[in-house]
C-alpha atoms as a PDB file:
ATOM      1  CA  MET A   1      60.554  68.578 105.931  1.00  0.00           C
ATOM      2  CA  MET A   2      63.507  66.085 106.749  1.00  0.00           C
ATOM      3  CA  VAL A   3      66.547  65.368 105.278  1.00  0.00           C
ATOM      4  CA  TYR A   4      68.415  62.449 105.875  1.00  0.00           C
ATOM      5  CA  PHE A   5      71.717  61.265 106.777  1.00  0.00           C
ATOM      6  CA  GLU A   6      73.931  58.343 108.161  1.00  0.00           C
ATOM      7  CA  ALA A   7      73.611  58.499 111.874  1.00  0.00           C
ATOM      8  CA  SER A   8      77.818  58.631 112.187  1.00  0.00           C
ATOM      9  CA  ALA A   9      77.812  61.804 110.010  1.00  0.00           C
ATOM     10  CA  VAL A  10      75.576  63.512 112.138  1.00  0.00           C
ATOM     11  CA  GLU A  11      76.770  65.449 115.543  1.00  0.00           C
ATOM     12  CA  LEU A  12      73.970  66.665 117.465  1.00  0.00           C
ATOM     13  CA  THR A  13      74.558  69.309 120.420  1.00  0.00           C
ATOM     14  CA  GLY A  14      72.857  70.736 123.021  1.00  0.00           C
ATOM     15  CA  GLU A  15      69.956  68.999 124.941  1.00  0.00           C
ATOM     16  CA  ALA A  16      66.946  67.274 123.269  1.00  0.00           C
ATOM     17  CA  THR A  17      63.820  65.854 124.720  1.00  0.00           C
ATOM     18  CA  GLU A  18      62.760  62.170 122.947  1.00  0.00           C
ATOM     19  CA  TYR A  19      59.354  61.079 122.149  1.00  0.00           C
ATOM     20  CA  THR A  20      59.104  57.470 120.834  1.00  0.00           C
ATOM     21  CA  ARG A  21      55.672  56.243 118.948  1.00  0.00           C
ATOM     22  CA  THR A  22      54.670  53.105 116.847  1.00  0.00           C
ATOM     23  CA  ALA A  23      53.987  54.271 113.575  1.00  0.00           C
ATOM     24  CA  ASP A  24      51.816  53.052 111.135  1.00  0.00           C
ATOM     25  CA  SER A  25      54.199  50.284 109.699  1.00  0.00           C
ATOM     26  CA  GLY A  26      54.590  48.928 113.454  1.00  0.00           C
ATOM     27  CA  ASP A  27      57.960  50.138 113.856  1.00  0.00           C
ATOM     28  CA  ASP A  28      59.025  52.570 116.371  1.00  0.00           C
ATOM     29  CA  VAL A  29      59.694  56.224 115.675  1.00  0.00           C
ATOM     30  CA  THR A  30      61.580  58.177 118.063  1.00  0.00           C
ATOM     31  CA  HIS A  31      61.527  62.176 117.629  1.00  0.00           C
ATOM     32  CA  GLY A  32      63.542  64.554 118.939  1.00  0.00           C
ATOM     33  CA  PHE A  33      62.573  68.376 119.916  1.00  0.00           C
ATOM     34  CA  CYS A  34      63.847  71.263 121.838  1.00  0.00           C
ATOM     35  CA  PRO A  35      62.698  70.627 125.867  1.00  0.00           C
ATOM     36  CA  ILE A  36      62.151  74.462 125.904  1.00  0.00           C
ATOM     37  CA  CYS A  37      59.929  75.353 122.619  1.00  0.00           C
ATOM     38  CA  GLY A  38      58.777  71.872 121.593  1.00  0.00           C
ATOM     39  CA  THR A  39      60.324  72.368 118.177  1.00  0.00           C
ATOM     40  CA  PRO A  40      60.929  69.105 116.303  1.00  0.00           C
ATOM     41  CA  PHE A  41      64.375  68.620 115.019  1.00  0.00           C
ATOM     42  CA  TYR A  42      65.086  65.172 114.297  1.00  0.00           C
ATOM     43  CA  LEU A  43      63.741  61.658 113.742  1.00  0.00           C
ATOM     44  CA  ARG A  44      64.992  58.090 114.340  1.00  0.00           C
ATOM     45  CA  THR A  45      63.596  55.325 113.501  1.00  0.00           C
ATOM     46  CA  ALA A  46      64.052  51.241 114.225  1.00  0.00           C
ATOM     47  CA  LYS A  47      63.623  50.267 110.887  1.00  0.00           C
ATOM     48  CA  HIS A  48      66.619  52.232 109.874  1.00  0.00           C
ATOM     49  CA  PRO A  49      68.872  52.376 112.987  1.00  0.00           C
ATOM     50  CA  GLY A  50      71.745  53.611 111.097  1.00  0.00           C
ATOM     51  CA  GLY A  51      70.033  56.873 109.606  1.00  0.00           C
ATOM     52  CA  ILE A  52      68.756  60.149 111.216  1.00  0.00           C
ATOM     53  CA  GLY A  53      66.300  62.778 109.944  1.00  0.00           C
ATOM     54  CA  ILE A  54      67.015  66.145 110.529  1.00  0.00           C
ATOM     55  CA  ALA A  55      64.409  69.113 110.399  1.00  0.00           C
ATOM     56  CA  VAL A  56      65.454  71.598 107.473  1.00  0.00           C
ATOM     57  CA  GLY A  57      64.395  74.478 109.418  1.00  0.00           C
ATOM     58  CA  VAL A  58      67.220  73.517 111.945  1.00  0.00           C
ATOM     59  CA  LEU A  59      70.105  73.385 109.365  1.00  0.00           C
ATOM     60  CA  GLY A  60      72.741  75.965 110.009  1.00  0.00           C
ATOM     61  CA  GLN A  61      73.710  76.249 106.270  1.00  0.00           C
ATOM     62  CA  ALA A  62      71.672  75.985 103.247  1.00  0.00           C
ATOM     63  CA  THR A  63      72.627  72.830 101.451  1.00  0.00           C
ATOM     64  CA  SER A  64      72.879  72.534  97.428  1.00  0.00           C
ATOM     65  CA  ASN A  65      71.939  69.039  97.494  1.00  0.00           C
ATOM     66  CA  GLU A  66      68.409  68.184  96.272  1.00  0.00           C
ATOM     67  CA  PRO A  67      66.318  65.816  98.528  1.00  0.00           C
ATOM     68  CA  VAL A  68      66.904  61.867  97.007  1.00  0.00           C
ATOM     69  CA  ARG A  69      63.211  60.512  98.372  1.00  0.00           C
ATOM     70  CA  SER A  70      59.947  62.167  99.838  1.00  0.00           C
ATOM     71  CA  VAL A  71      57.930  59.798 102.219  1.00  0.00           C
ATOM     72  CA  PHE A  72      54.537  60.144 103.036  1.00  0.00           C
ATOM     73  CA  GLU A  73      54.143  61.912  99.802  1.00  0.00           C
ATOM     74  CA  GLU A  74      50.176  61.295 100.521  1.00  0.00           C
ATOM     75  CA  ASN A  75      50.425  64.150 103.171  1.00  0.00           C
ATOM     76  CA  ARG A  76      52.797  66.375 101.632  1.00  0.00           C
ATOM     77  CA  HIS A  77      51.154  70.017 101.164  1.00  0.00           C
ATOM     78  CA  GLU A  78      50.416  70.796  97.528  1.00  0.00           C
ATOM     79  CA  TRP A  79      52.806  74.031  97.629  1.00  0.00           C
ATOM     80  CA  ILE A  80      56.089  72.189  98.645  1.00  0.00           C
ATOM     81  CA  ALA A  81      58.017  71.365  95.578  1.00  0.00           C
ATOM     82  CA  VAL A  82      59.843  68.319  94.990  1.00  0.00           C
ATOM     83  CA  PRO A  83      62.141  67.777  92.201  1.00  0.00           C
ATOM     84  CA  ASP A  84      61.099  65.148  89.479  1.00  0.00           C
ATOM     85  CA  SER A  85      64.005  62.953  89.868  1.00  0.00           C
ATOM     86  CA  THR A  86      63.044  62.206  93.866  1.00  0.00           C
ATOM     87  CA  GLN A  87      61.913  58.967  94.815  1.00  0.00           C
ATOM     88  CA  ARG A  88      58.497  59.082  96.047  1.00  0.00           C
ATOM     89  CA  PHE A  89      56.998  57.097  98.481  1.00  0.00           C
ATOM     90  CA  PRO A  90      52.852  57.232  99.152  1.00  0.00           C
ATOM     91  CA  ARG A  91      53.338  56.357 102.675  1.00  0.00           C
ATOM     92  CA  GLY A  92      56.539  55.131 104.531  1.00  0.00           C
ATOM     93  CA  ARG A  93      59.495  53.858 102.999  1.00  0.00           C
ATOM     94  CA  ASN A  94      59.988  50.356 102.570  1.00  0.00           C
END
């Protein structure tokens, strides 16, 4: 699960390896992951260059903010609870 921020508000430290692929939408998506263990921890998209998605599991502290949107709902595991107030997109966000 990713949480999304304005890229200018995020400071990434340490090393990362990036892999860019073409998404179903035709846009480029860049995945950042640990070069040692391969754990994915961020995501950038060409469609939204000012934003960055950060994997929830790598955040240093818990956040009290609820998610505002959920993308690729069609692939979400049933056991992942998403608040009713969350915007939902069956596939990618437009």
